[in-house]
Amino acid sequence: MSAPAVQLISIDDIVAAERAIAGRVLRTPTVQSPALSALLGAETHLKLELLQKTGCFKPRGITNRLLALSEAEKQRGLITVSGGNHGIAIARIGKEMGIAVTVVMPEKAPERSKARIRADGATLLLTQDAGGAFELAEREREAKGMTYIHSYDDPLIIAGHGTVGRELIADAPDLTDVLMSVGGGGFISGCAVALKAANPKLRIWGVETEGGDCMSQALKAGKPVRIAVTTIATTLGAPSVTERSLAHVQALVDEVMVVSDAEAVGGVIALAEEAKLWAEPAAGCLIPAARRVVERAGPGARLGLVICGGNVAFADVEGWVQRFGIKL
């Protein structure tokens, strides 16, 4: 792992975020899963962040960021880019705090996500792809003077997300390996800081899906690389990481794995059948990756899987099962 090019957030930043958002977000449970432990061949603990407000971890970082806004920034309204979960969360929290929100999303984002964003009163703008969403958001920000909130390249958002890792290691201090999915890299960046601060020997594994592997591409190139997003896991569909998120992963994450969309959907089914959890492909991708970790670390591994979100419709899962020919 090479030296970071930018300053990393600290555990003090995460502790400060934890204090700031206390009472505004849920402290989600961590549970051991006997069924998944048997399936994977190693003791497996699940951090159930899909039970968080709005169905994913996003309210943590967003709440921390919005609490730090000035009155002038609030009055100008907020604009952001999202593949789904970030938009859902910022629309809800903006509504709770009385702040106008505009969300820019690619057209292929889940219809359920679009509906929830509109239901909370946010303005929703759609573009052809994720790259175009960032470009449109910048044009809108310049034209209307709105306050831009980056979903994963913001120290306050990263610190807020890091509270997930802090809670996980407090609840399951004997873990040897923790797996988290990677979109733009803000979530794993914050969690990695918290986890390594508690146990420097802990192994941290990032997981991406093919067609959403911007972090893997950046690690190979040694710098952020723009990709064409094709994965069905739209909540992982960032067109590129940033220097900040790349630096955190370079410094703190042992490896980033890439699995296929079909494997991620298989993981969704495994989580439903074995762990009784309704999760999205961004969480399902952890199951095939966990099998690889156990193969390398051995049955003595004690796994922690962060089940990051559950915002997926039944019709979506049904369609993916048919598309990939997954046997139930």
C-alpha atoms as a PDB file:
ATOM      1  CA  MET A   1       0.000   0.000   0.000  1.00  0.00           C
ATOM      2  CA  SER A   2       1.481   3.343  -1.048  1.00  0.00           C
ATOM      3  CA  ALA A   3       1.527   6.559   0.919  1.00  0.00           C
ATOM      4  CA  PRO A   4      -1.638   8.666   0.620  1.00  0.00           C
ATOM      5  CA  ALA A   5      -1.523  11.675  -1.705  1.00  0.00           C
ATOM      6  CA  VAL A   6      -4.036  13.637   0.381  1.00  0.00           C
ATOM      7  CA  GLN A   7      -4.734  13.931   4.082  1.00  0.00           C
ATOM      8  CA  LEU A   8      -6.867  11.138   5.474  1.00  0.00           C
ATOM      9  CA  ILE A   9      -9.650  11.741   7.951  1.00  0.00           C
ATOM     10  CA  SER A  10      -8.859  10.731  11.522  1.00  0.00           C
ATOM     11  CA  ILE A  11     -10.588   8.688  14.171  1.00  0.00           C
ATOM     12  CA  ASP A  12     -11.191  11.998  15.978  1.00  0.00           C
ATOM     13  CA  ASP A  13     -13.221  13.151  12.964  1.00  0.00           C
ATOM     14  CA  ILE A  14     -15.344  10.007  13.219  1.00  0.00           C
ATOM     15  CA  VAL A  15     -15.865  10.381  16.972  1.00  0.00           C
ATOM     16  CA  ALA A  16     -16.953  13.992  16.388  1.00  0.00           C
ATOM     17  CA  ALA A  17     -19.380  12.817  13.692  1.00  0.00           C
ATOM     18  CA  GLU A  18     -20.732  10.153  16.032  1.00  0.00           C
ATOM     19  CA  ARG A  19     -21.531  12.812  18.611  1.00  0.00           C
ATOM     20  CA  ALA A  20     -23.063  15.157  16.045  1.00  0.00           C
ATOM     21  CA  ILE A  21     -25.462  12.611  14.533  1.00  0.00           C
ATOM     22  CA  ALA A  22     -26.385  10.828  17.761  1.00  0.00           C
ATOM     23  CA  GLY A  23     -30.166  10.659  18.070  1.00  0.00           C
ATOM     24  CA  ARG A  24     -30.633  11.597  14.406  1.00  0.00           C
ATOM     25  CA  VAL A  25     -29.707   8.212  12.908  1.00  0.00           C
ATOM     26  CA  LEU A  26     -30.107   4.652  14.135  1.00  0.00           C
ATOM     27  CA  ARG A  27     -27.375   2.662  15.821  1.00  0.00           C
ATOM     28  CA  THR A  28     -27.944  -0.467  13.796  1.00  0.00           C
ATOM     29  CA  PRO A  29     -27.323  -3.946  15.237  1.00  0.00           C
ATOM     30  CA  THR A  30     -24.570  -6.414  14.467  1.00  0.00           C
ATOM     31  CA  VAL A  31     -25.659 -10.051  14.557  1.00  0.00           C
ATOM     32  CA  GLN A  32     -23.927 -13.370  14.085  1.00  0.00           C
ATOM     33  CA  SER A  33     -25.514 -15.434  11.325  1.00  0.00           C
ATOM     34  CA  PRO A  34     -25.349 -19.199  11.967  1.00  0.00           C
ATOM     35  CA  ALA A  35     -26.746 -19.939   8.514  1.00  0.00           C
ATOM     36  CA  LEU A  36     -24.224 -17.780   6.643  1.00  0.00           C
ATOM     37  CA  SER A  37     -21.433 -19.053   8.884  1.00  0.00           C
ATOM     38  CA  ALA A  38     -22.307 -22.570   7.759  1.00  0.00           C
ATOM     39  CA  LEU A  39     -22.653 -21.512   4.121  1.00  0.00           C
ATOM     40  CA  LEU A  40     -19.311 -19.695   4.023  1.00  0.00           C
ATOM     41  CA  GLY A  41     -17.404 -22.038   6.321  1.00  0.00           C
ATOM     42  CA  ALA A  42     -16.354 -19.308   8.762  1.00  0.00           C
ATOM     43  CA  GLU A  43     -17.932 -17.402  11.630  1.00  0.00           C
ATOM     44  CA  THR A  44     -19.868 -14.545  10.029  1.00  0.00           C
ATOM     45  CA  HIS A  45     -21.229 -11.382  11.627  1.00  0.00           C
ATOM     46  CA  LEU A  46     -23.538  -8.966   9.799  1.00  0.00           C
ATOM     47  CA  LYS A  47     -23.738  -5.223  10.394  1.00  0.00           C
ATOM     48  CA  LEU A  48     -27.358  -4.533   9.481  1.00  0.00           C
ATOM     49  CA  GLU A  49     -27.091  -1.081   7.995  1.00  0.00           C
ATOM     50  CA  LEU A  50     -30.007  -1.865   5.701  1.00  0.00           C
ATOM     51  CA  LEU A  51     -32.158  -1.171   8.803  1.00  0.00           C
ATOM     52  CA  GLN A  52     -30.908   2.435   8.869  1.00  0.00           C
ATOM     53  CA  LYS A  53     -33.245   5.342   8.103  1.00  0.00           C
ATOM     54  CA  THR A  54     -34.088   5.317   4.363  1.00  0.00           C
ATOM     55  CA  GLY A  55     -32.755   1.738   4.088  1.00  0.00           C
ATOM     56  CA  CYS A  56     -28.988   2.298   3.871  1.00  0.00           C
ATOM     57  CA  PHE A  57     -25.970   3.890   5.562  1.00  0.00           C
ATOM     58  CA  LYS A  58     -26.202   7.207   3.700  1.00  0.00           C
ATOM     59  CA  PRO A  59     -28.048   9.247   6.379  1.00  0.00           C
ATOM     60  CA  ARG A  60     -24.963   9.094   8.597  1.00  0.00           C
ATOM     61  CA  GLY A  61     -22.638  11.109   6.394  1.00  0.00           C
ATOM     62  CA  ILE A  62     -25.383  13.317   4.987  1.00  0.00           C
ATOM     63  CA  THR A  63     -26.616  14.281   8.445  1.00  0.00           C
ATOM     64  CA  ASN A  64     -23.084  15.112   9.559  1.00  0.00           C
ATOM     65  CA  ARG A  65     -22.561  17.268   6.459  1.00  0.00           C
ATOM     66  CA  LEU A  66     -25.881  19.096   6.557  1.00  0.00           C
ATOM     67  CA  LEU A  67     -25.535  19.943  10.240  1.00  0.00           C
ATOM     68  CA  ALA A  68     -22.357  21.837   9.328  1.00  0.00           C
ATOM     69  CA  LEU A  69     -24.008  24.004   6.654  1.00  0.00           C
ATOM     70  CA  SER A  70     -24.250  27.737   7.185  1.00  0.00           C
ATOM     71  CA  GLU A  71     -27.620  29.417   6.979  1.00  0.00           C
ATOM     72  CA  ALA A  72     -26.596  30.966   3.666  1.00  0.00           C
ATOM     73  CA  GLU A  73     -25.720  27.551   2.233  1.00  0.00           C
ATOM     74  CA  LYS A  74     -29.071  26.179   3.353  1.00  0.00           C
ATOM     75  CA  GLN A  75     -30.964  29.071   1.817  1.00  0.00           C
ATOM     76  CA  ARG A  76     -29.330  28.505  -1.567  1.00  0.00           C
ATOM     77  CA  GLY A  77     -30.613  24.932  -1.625  1.00  0.00           C
ATOM     78  CA  LEU A  78     -28.635  21.756  -2.224  1.00  0.00           C
ATOM     79  CA  ILE A  79     -27.740  19.849  -5.372  1.00  0.00           C
ATOM     80  CA  THR A  80     -26.165  16.410  -5.551  1.00  0.00           C
ATOM     81  CA  VAL A  81     -25.593  13.395  -7.792  1.00  0.00           C
ATOM     82  CA  SER A  82     -26.807   9.935  -6.837  1.00  0.00           C
ATOM     83  CA  GLY A  83     -27.261   6.417  -8.130  1.00  0.00           C
ATOM     84  CA  GLY A  84     -30.137   5.900  -5.697  1.00  0.00           C
ATOM     85  CA  ASN A  85     -29.449   5.618  -1.977  1.00  0.00           C
ATOM     86  CA  HIS A  86     -27.662   8.949  -1.515  1.00  0.00           C
ATOM     87  CA  GLY A  87     -30.510  10.733  -3.281  1.00  0.00           C
ATOM     88  CA  ILE A  88     -33.155   8.991  -1.200  1.00  0.00           C
ATOM     89  CA  ALA A  89     -31.373   9.929   2.005  1.00  0.00           C
ATOM     90  CA  ILE A  90     -30.588  13.550   1.202  1.00  0.00           C
ATOM     91  CA  ALA A  91     -34.151  14.144  -0.001  1.00  0.00           C
ATOM     92  CA  ARG A  92     -35.525  12.831   3.292  1.00  0.00           C
ATOM     93  CA  ILE A  93     -33.038  14.644   5.526  1.00  0.00           C
ATOM     94  CA  GLY A  94     -33.371  17.855   3.534  1.00  0.00           C
ATOM     95  CA  LYS A  95     -37.129  17.669   4.030  1.00  0.00           C
ATOM     96  CA  GLU A  96     -36.686  17.115   7.773  1.00  0.00           C
ATOM     97  CA  MET A  97     -34.346  20.117   8.010  1.00  0.00           C
ATOM     98  CA  GLY A  98     -36.385  22.369   5.719  1.00  0.00           C
ATOM     99  CA  ILE A  99     -33.742  22.590   2.975  1.00  0.00           C
ATOM    100  CA  ALA A 100     -34.602  22.476  -0.736  1.00  0.00           C
ATOM    101  CA  VAL A 101     -32.840  19.599  -2.507  1.00  0.00           C
ATOM    102  CA  THR A 102     -32.185  18.813  -6.172  1.00  0.00           C
ATOM    103  CA  VAL A 103     -30.965  15.328  -7.071  1.00  0.00           C
ATOM    104  CA  VAL A 104     -29.414  14.445 -10.431  1.00  0.00           C
ATOM    105  CA  MET A 105     -29.531  10.750 -11.359  1.00  0.00           C
ATOM    106  CA  PRO A 106     -28.879   8.548 -14.396  1.00  0.00           C
ATOM    107  CA  GLU A 107     -32.065   7.405 -16.118  1.00  0.00           C
ATOM    108  CA  LYS A 108     -31.369   3.744 -15.347  1.00  0.00           C
ATOM    109  CA  ALA A 109     -31.517   4.354 -11.597  1.00  0.00           C
ATOM    110  CA  PRO A 110     -34.230   2.253  -9.907  1.00  0.00           C
ATOM    111  CA  GLU A 111     -37.770   3.554 -10.377  1.00  0.00           C
ATOM    112  CA  ARG A 112     -38.405   2.944  -6.690  1.00  0.00           C
ATOM    113  CA  SER A 113     -35.558   5.323  -5.819  1.00  0.00           C
ATOM    114  CA  LYS A 114     -36.874   8.014  -8.151  1.00  0.00           C
ATOM    115  CA  ALA A 115     -40.344   7.736  -6.627  1.00  0.00           C
ATOM    116  CA  ARG A 116     -39.044   8.040  -3.067  1.00  0.00           C
ATOM    117  CA  ILE A 117     -36.967  11.108  -3.925  1.00  0.00           C
ATOM    118  CA  ARG A 118     -39.949  12.835  -5.505  1.00  0.00           C
ATOM    119  CA  ALA A 119     -42.212  11.803  -2.617  1.00  0.00           C
ATOM    120  CA  ASP A 120     -39.994  13.713  -0.196  1.00  0.00           C
ATOM    121  CA  GLY A 121     -40.336  16.886  -2.228  1.00  0.00           C
ATOM    122  CA  ALA A 122     -36.928  16.991  -3.896  1.00  0.00           C
ATOM    123  CA  THR A 123     -36.462  18.076  -7.499  1.00  0.00           C
ATOM    124  CA  LEU A 124     -35.256  15.159  -9.610  1.00  0.00           C
ATOM    125  CA  LEU A 125     -33.241  15.650 -12.810  1.00  0.00           C
ATOM    126  CA  LEU A 126     -32.347  12.678 -15.021  1.00  0.00           C
ATOM    127  CA  THR A 127     -29.427  12.179 -17.398  1.00  0.00           C
ATOM    128  CA  GLN A 128     -28.378   9.431 -19.791  1.00  0.00           C
ATOM    129  CA  ASP A 129     -25.538   8.158 -17.617  1.00  0.00           C
ATOM    130  CA  ALA A 130     -23.642   8.710 -14.360  1.00  0.00           C
ATOM    131  CA  GLY A 131     -20.949  10.837 -15.993  1.00  0.00           C
ATOM    132  CA  GLY A 132     -23.559  13.153 -17.460  1.00  0.00           C
ATOM    133  CA  ALA A 133     -25.183  13.485 -14.035  1.00  0.00           C
ATOM    134  CA  PHE A 134     -22.059  15.071 -12.573  1.00  0.00           C
ATOM    135  CA  GLU A 135     -21.782  17.438 -15.520  1.00  0.00           C
ATOM    136  CA  LEU A 136     -25.428  18.534 -15.250  1.00  0.00           C
ATOM    137  CA  ALA A 137     -25.151  19.021 -11.496  1.00  0.00           C
ATOM    138  CA  GLU A 138     -22.189  21.339 -11.997  1.00  0.00           C
ATOM    139  CA  ARG A 139     -24.042  23.380 -14.619  1.00  0.00           C
ATOM    140  CA  GLU A 140     -27.095  23.683 -12.356  1.00  0.00           C
ATOM    141  CA  ARG A 141     -24.923  24.668  -9.395  1.00  0.00           C
ATOM    142  CA  GLU A 142     -23.234  27.424 -11.371  1.00  0.00           C
ATOM    143  CA  ALA A 143     -26.476  28.714 -12.900  1.00  0.00           C
ATOM    144  CA  LYS A 144     -28.543  28.741  -9.705  1.00  0.00           C
ATOM    145  CA  GLY A 145     -25.911  29.181  -6.990  1.00  0.00           C
ATOM    146  CA  MET A 146     -26.900  26.022  -5.151  1.00  0.00           C
ATOM    147  CA  THR A 147     -24.698  24.314  -2.559  1.00  0.00           C
ATOM    148  CA  TYR A 148     -23.147  21.176  -4.002  1.00  0.00           C
ATOM    149  CA  ILE A 149     -22.988  18.095  -1.767  1.00  0.00           C
ATOM    150  CA  HIS A 150     -20.637  15.412  -3.073  1.00  0.00           C
ATOM    151  CA  SER A 151     -21.819  11.936  -2.126  1.00  0.00           C
ATOM    152  CA  TYR A 152     -18.361  10.492  -1.431  1.00  0.00           C
ATOM    153  CA  ASP A 153     -15.645  13.180  -1.749  1.00  0.00           C
ATOM    154  CA  ASP A 154     -16.373  15.146   1.406  1.00  0.00           C
ATOM    155  CA  PRO A 155     -14.501  14.716   4.719  1.00  0.00           C
ATOM    156  CA  LEU A 156     -17.644  15.246   6.800  1.00  0.00           C
ATOM    157  CA  ILE A 157     -19.597  12.660   4.814  1.00  0.00           C
ATOM    158  CA  ILE A 158     -16.720  10.183   4.996  1.00  0.00           C
ATOM    159  CA  ALA A 159     -16.459  10.732   8.762  1.00  0.00           C
ATOM    160  CA  GLY A 160     -20.188  10.212   9.207  1.00  0.00           C
ATOM    161  CA  HIS A 161     -20.076   6.972   7.263  1.00  0.00           C
ATOM    162  CA  GLY A 162     -17.123   5.898   9.384  1.00  0.00           C
ATOM    163  CA  THR A 163     -19.430   5.568  12.375  1.00  0.00           C
ATOM    164  CA  VAL A 164     -20.611   2.275  10.833  1.00  0.00           C
ATOM    165  CA  GLY A 165     -17.134   0.810  11.250  1.00  0.00           C
ATOM    166  CA  ARG A 166     -16.826   2.158  14.768  1.00  0.00           C
ATOM    167  CA  GLU A 167     -20.072   0.477  15.792  1.00  0.00           C
ATOM    168  CA  LEU A 168     -19.204  -2.792  14.060  1.00  0.00           C
ATOM    169  CA  ILE A 169     -15.860  -3.250  15.794  1.00  0.00           C
ATOM    170  CA  ALA A 170     -17.365  -2.274  19.162  1.00  0.00           C
ATOM    171  CA  ASP A 171     -19.999  -5.001  18.755  1.00  0.00           C
ATOM    172  CA  ALA A 172     -17.681  -7.638  17.263  1.00  0.00           C
ATOM    173  CA  PRO A 173     -14.130  -6.872  18.453  1.00  0.00           C
ATOM    174  CA  ASP A 174     -12.677 -10.257  17.492  1.00  0.00           C
ATOM    175  CA  LEU A 175     -13.210  -9.984  13.737  1.00  0.00           C
ATOM    176  CA  THR A 176     -10.261 -10.859  11.506  1.00  0.00           C
ATOM    177  CA  ASP A 177     -11.713  -9.707   8.178  1.00  0.00           C
ATOM    178  CA  VAL A 178     -14.308  -7.081   7.217  1.00  0.00           C
ATOM    179  CA  LEU A 179     -15.908  -6.841   3.765  1.00  0.00           C
ATOM    180  CA  MET A 180     -17.598  -3.714   2.413  1.00  0.00           C
ATOM    181  CA  SER A 181     -18.848  -2.808  -1.032  1.00  0.00           C
ATOM    182  CA  VAL A 182     -17.271   0.104  -2.893  1.00  0.00           C
ATOM    183  CA  GLY A 183     -19.007   2.699  -5.034  1.00  0.00           C
ATOM    184  CA  GLY A 184     -17.109   5.973  -5.096  1.00  0.00           C
ATOM    185  CA  GLY A 185     -15.143   4.928  -2.030  1.00  0.00           C
ATOM    186  CA  GLY A 186     -16.404   7.305   0.660  1.00  0.00           C
ATOM    187  CA  PHE A 187     -18.079   4.603   2.722  1.00  0.00           C
ATOM    188  CA  ILE A 188     -15.138   2.206   2.854  1.00  0.00           C
ATOM    189  CA  SER A 189     -12.778   5.138   3.465  1.00  0.00           C
ATOM    190  CA  GLY A 190     -14.515   6.199   6.667  1.00  0.00           C
ATOM    191  CA  CYS A 191     -15.113   2.673   7.900  1.00  0.00           C
ATOM    192  CA  ALA A 192     -11.508   1.673   7.236  1.00  0.00           C
ATOM    193  CA  VAL A 193     -10.226   4.537   9.380  1.00  0.00           C
ATOM    194  CA  ALA A 194     -12.457   3.464  12.267  1.00  0.00           C
ATOM    195  CA  LEU A 195     -11.652  -0.226  11.929  1.00  0.00           C
ATOM    196  CA  LYS A 196      -7.890   0.164  11.630  1.00  0.00           C
ATOM    197  CA  ALA A 197      -7.846   2.588  14.576  1.00  0.00           C
ATOM    198  CA  ALA A 198      -9.440  -0.126  16.705  1.00  0.00           C
ATOM    199  CA  ASN A 199      -7.389  -3.029  15.318  1.00  0.00           C
ATOM    200  CA  PRO A 200      -4.469  -2.329  12.947  1.00  0.00           C
ATOM    201  CA  LYS A 201      -4.158  -6.056  12.162  1.00  0.00           C
ATOM    202  CA  LEU A 202      -7.726  -6.326  10.862  1.00  0.00           C
ATOM    203  CA  ARG A 203      -7.917  -7.155   7.158  1.00  0.00           C
ATOM    204  CA  ILE A 204     -10.278  -4.962   5.131  1.00  0.00           C
ATOM    205  CA  TRP A 205     -11.637  -6.087   1.771  1.00  0.00           C
ATOM    206  CA  GLY A 206     -13.484  -3.886  -0.693  1.00  0.00           C
ATOM    207  CA  VAL A 207     -15.904  -5.414  -3.184  1.00  0.00           C
ATOM    208  CA  GLU A 208     -17.031  -4.032  -6.544  1.00  0.00           C
ATOM    209  CA  THR A 209     -19.104  -5.409  -9.392  1.00  0.00           C
ATOM    210  CA  GLU A 210     -17.955  -5.643 -13.002  1.00  0.00           C
ATOM    211  CA  GLY A 211     -18.897  -2.470 -14.829  1.00  0.00           C
ATOM    212  CA  GLY A 212     -18.721  -0.567 -11.533  1.00  0.00           C
ATOM    213  CA  ASP A 213     -15.072  -1.209 -10.737  1.00  0.00           C
ATOM    214  CA  CYS A 214     -13.739   2.350 -10.689  1.00  0.00           C
ATOM    215  CA  MET A 215     -11.701   1.759  -7.503  1.00  0.00           C
ATOM    216  CA  SER A 216      -9.998  -1.336  -8.891  1.00  0.00           C
ATOM    217  CA  GLN A 217      -9.163   0.548 -12.064  1.00  0.00           C
ATOM    218  CA  ALA A 218      -7.794   3.467 -10.047  1.00  0.00           C
ATOM    219  CA  LEU A 219      -5.637   1.181  -7.923  1.00  0.00           C
ATOM    220  CA  LYS A 220      -4.123  -0.334 -11.063  1.00  0.00           C
ATOM    221  CA  ALA A 221      -3.474   3.072 -12.611  1.00  0.00           C
ATOM    222  CA  GLY A 222      -2.376   4.776  -9.397  1.00  0.00           C
ATOM    223  CA  LYS A 223      -4.873   7.578 -10.019  1.00  0.00           C
ATOM    224  CA  PRO A 224      -8.627   8.036 -10.539  1.00  0.00           C
ATOM    225  CA  VAL A 225      -9.838   6.556 -13.835  1.00  0.00           C
ATOM    226  CA  ARG A 226     -13.155   7.337 -15.494  1.00  0.00           C
ATOM    227  CA  ILE A 227     -15.155   4.240 -16.431  1.00  0.00           C
ATOM    228  CA  ALA A 228     -18.367   3.558 -18.333  1.00  0.00           C
ATOM    229  CA  VAL A 229     -20.788   2.275 -15.693  1.00  0.00           C
ATOM    230  CA  THR A 230     -22.669  -0.838 -16.825  1.00  0.00           C
ATOM    231  CA  THR A 231     -23.316  -2.776 -13.597  1.00  0.00           C
ATOM    232  CA  ILE A 232     -26.863  -3.485 -12.451  1.00  0.00           C
ATOM    233  CA  ALA A 233     -25.732  -2.426  -8.962  1.00  0.00           C
ATOM    234  CA  THR A 234     -26.567   1.208  -9.658  1.00  0.00           C
ATOM    235  CA  THR A 235     -25.811   2.240  -6.068  1.00  0.00           C
ATOM    236  CA  LEU A 236     -22.194   1.240  -6.763  1.00  0.00           C
ATOM    237  CA  GLY A 237     -22.185   2.990 -10.138  1.00  0.00           C
ATOM    238  CA  ALA A 238     -19.749   5.871  -9.655  1.00  0.00           C
ATOM    239  CA  PRO A 239     -17.949   6.843 -12.886  1.00  0.00           C
ATOM    240  CA  SER A 240     -14.722   7.422 -10.979  1.00  0.00           C
ATOM    241  CA  VAL A 241     -13.258   7.579  -7.505  1.00  0.00           C
ATOM    242  CA  THR A 242     -11.506  10.711  -6.251  1.00  0.00           C
ATOM    243  CA  GLU A 243      -7.995  11.399  -5.039  1.00  0.00           C
ATOM    244  CA  ARG A 244      -9.366  11.444  -1.484  1.00  0.00           C
ATOM    245  CA  SER A 245     -11.147   8.091  -1.577  1.00  0.00           C
ATOM    246  CA  LEU A 246      -8.309   6.464  -3.503  1.00  0.00           C
ATOM    247  CA  ALA A 247      -5.793   7.634  -0.900  1.00  0.00           C
ATOM    248  CA  HIS A 248      -7.822   6.090   1.929  1.00  0.00           C
ATOM    249  CA  VAL A 249      -8.095   2.764   0.122  1.00  0.00           C
ATOM    250  CA  GLN A 250      -4.413   2.727  -0.826  1.00  0.00           C
ATOM    251  CA  ALA A 251      -3.453   3.313   2.793  1.00  0.00           C
ATOM    252  CA  LEU A 252      -5.972   1.182   4.666  1.00  0.00           C
ATOM    253  CA  VAL A 253      -7.672  -1.471   2.501  1.00  0.00           C
ATOM    254  CA  ASP A 254      -5.916  -4.789   1.903  1.00  0.00           C
ATOM    255  CA  GLU A 255      -7.529  -5.548  -1.444  1.00  0.00           C
ATOM    256  CA  VAL A 256     -10.488  -4.643  -3.630  1.00  0.00           C
ATOM    257  CA  MET A 257     -12.178  -7.612  -5.290  1.00  0.00           C
ATOM    258  CA  VAL A 258     -14.449  -7.568  -8.332  1.00  0.00           C
ATOM    259  CA  VAL A 259     -17.373  -9.970  -8.771  1.00  0.00           C
ATOM    260  CA  SER A 260     -19.862 -10.330 -11.598  1.00  0.00           C
ATOM    261  CA  ASP A 261     -23.405  -8.971 -11.533  1.00  0.00           C
ATOM    262  CA  ALA A 262     -24.672 -12.561 -11.630  1.00  0.00           C
ATOM    263  CA  GLU A 263     -22.624 -13.402  -8.535  1.00  0.00           C
ATOM    264  CA  ALA A 264     -23.975 -10.321  -6.766  1.00  0.00           C
ATOM    265  CA  VAL A 265     -27.554 -11.368  -7.512  1.00  0.00           C
ATOM    266  CA  GLY A 266     -26.735 -14.852  -6.255  1.00  0.00           C
ATOM    267  CA  GLY A 267     -25.574 -13.151  -3.067  1.00  0.00           C
ATOM    268  CA  VAL A 268     -28.873 -11.283  -2.823  1.00  0.00           C
ATOM    269  CA  ILE A 269     -30.702 -14.628  -2.942  1.00  0.00           C
ATOM    270  CA  ALA A 270     -28.332 -16.154  -0.370  1.00  0.00           C
ATOM    271  CA  LEU A 271     -28.917 -13.260   2.017  1.00  0.00           C
ATOM    272  CA  ALA A 272     -32.674 -13.644   1.597  1.00  0.00           C
ATOM    273  CA  GLU A 273     -32.762 -17.404   2.002  1.00  0.00           C
ATOM    274  CA  GLU A 274     -30.038 -17.930   4.599  1.00  0.00           C
ATOM    275  CA  ALA A 275     -29.942 -14.687   6.605  1.00  0.00           C
ATOM    276  CA  LYS A 276     -33.573 -13.649   6.029  1.00  0.00           C
ATOM    277  CA  LEU A 277     -32.435 -10.240   4.763  1.00  0.00           C
ATOM    278  CA  TRP A 278     -33.817  -8.330   1.778  1.00  0.00           C
ATOM    279  CA  ALA A 279     -30.693  -6.677   0.414  1.00  0.00           C
ATOM    280  CA  GLU A 280     -29.598  -5.032  -2.813  1.00  0.00           C
ATOM    281  CA  PRO A 281     -26.791  -6.214  -5.137  1.00  0.00           C
ATOM    282  CA  ALA A 282     -24.442  -3.728  -3.479  1.00  0.00           C
ATOM    283  CA  ALA A 283     -24.714  -5.964  -0.416  1.00  0.00           C
ATOM    284  CA  GLY A 284     -25.179  -9.266  -2.256  1.00  0.00           C
ATOM    285  CA  CYS A 285     -21.749  -8.875  -3.859  1.00  0.00           C
ATOM    286  CA  LEU A 286     -20.171  -9.489  -0.452  1.00  0.00           C
ATOM    287  CA  ILE A 287     -21.215 -13.152  -0.393  1.00  0.00           C
ATOM    288  CA  PRO A 288     -19.118 -14.382  -3.358  1.00  0.00           C
ATOM    289  CA  ALA A 289     -16.258 -12.185  -2.173  1.00  0.00           C
ATOM    290  CA  ALA A 290     -16.505 -13.695   1.320  1.00  0.00           C
ATOM    291  CA  ARG A 291     -16.061 -17.157  -0.176  1.00  0.00           C
ATOM    292  CA  ARG A 292     -12.780 -15.993  -1.697  1.00  0.00           C
ATOM    293  CA  VAL A 293     -11.630 -14.501   1.599  1.00  0.00           C
ATOM    294  CA  VAL A 294     -12.336 -17.747   3.453  1.00  0.00           C
ATOM    295  CA  GLU A 295     -10.417 -19.713   0.814  1.00  0.00           C
ATOM    296  CA  ARG A 296      -7.395 -17.512   1.464  1.00  0.00           C
ATOM    297  CA  ALA A 297      -7.705 -16.912   5.205  1.00  0.00           C
ATOM    298  CA  GLY A 298      -8.979 -20.351   6.209  1.00  0.00           C
ATOM    299  CA  PRO A 299     -11.926 -21.460   8.353  1.00  0.00           C
ATOM    300  CA  GLY A 300     -10.459 -19.703  11.391  1.00  0.00           C
ATOM    301  CA  ALA A 301     -11.425 -16.350   9.879  1.00  0.00           C
ATOM    302  CA  ARG A 302     -14.081 -14.331  11.657  1.00  0.00           C
ATOM    303  CA  LEU A 303     -15.895 -12.298   9.044  1.00  0.00           C
ATOM    304  CA  GLY A 304     -17.743  -9.021   9.334  1.00  0.00           C
ATOM    305  CA  LEU A 305     -20.023  -8.147   6.397  1.00  0.00           C
ATOM    306  CA  VAL A 306     -21.524  -4.668   6.246  1.00  0.00           C
ATOM    307  CA  ILE A 307     -24.982  -5.130   4.725  1.00  0.00           C
ATOM    308  CA  CYS A 308     -25.087  -1.609   3.383  1.00  0.00           C
ATOM    309  CA  GLY A 309     -28.610  -1.280   2.003  1.00  0.00           C
ATOM    310  CA  GLY A 310     -31.894  -2.884   1.075  1.00  0.00           C
ATOM    311  CA  ASN A 311     -33.438  -0.466  -1.408  1.00  0.00           C
ATOM    312  CA  VAL A 312     -34.362  -2.878  -4.164  1.00  0.00           C
ATOM    313  CA  ALA A 313     -37.761  -3.848  -5.548  1.00  0.00           C
ATOM    314  CA  PHE A 314     -38.973  -7.432  -5.872  1.00  0.00           C
ATOM    315  CA  ALA A 315     -39.535  -6.925  -9.601  1.00  0.00           C
ATOM    316  CA  ASP A 316     -35.868  -5.954 -10.018  1.00  0.00           C
ATOM    317  CA  VAL A 317     -34.633  -9.084  -8.269  1.00  0.00           C
ATOM    318  CA  GLU A 318     -37.087 -11.266 -10.189  1.00  0.00           C
ATOM    319  CA  GLY A 319     -35.845  -9.797 -13.470  1.00  0.00           C
ATOM    320  CA  TRP A 320     -32.185 -10.344 -12.566  1.00  0.00           C
ATOM    321  CA  VAL A 321     -32.808 -13.945 -11.550  1.00  0.00           C
ATOM    322  CA  GLN A 322     -34.353 -14.619 -14.949  1.00  0.00           C
ATOM    323  CA  ARG A 323     -31.699 -12.646 -16.824  1.00  0.00           C
ATOM    324  CA  PHE A 324     -28.780 -14.501 -15.252  1.00  0.00           C
ATOM    325  CA  GLY A 325     -30.501 -17.883 -15.103  1.00  0.00           C
ATOM    326  CA  ILE A 326     -30.059 -18.204 -11.373  1.00  0.00           C
ATOM    327  CA  LYS A 327     -31.546 -21.425 -10.012  1.00  0.00           C
ATOM    328  CA  LEU A 328     -33.653 -20.975  -6.881  1.00  0.00           C
END
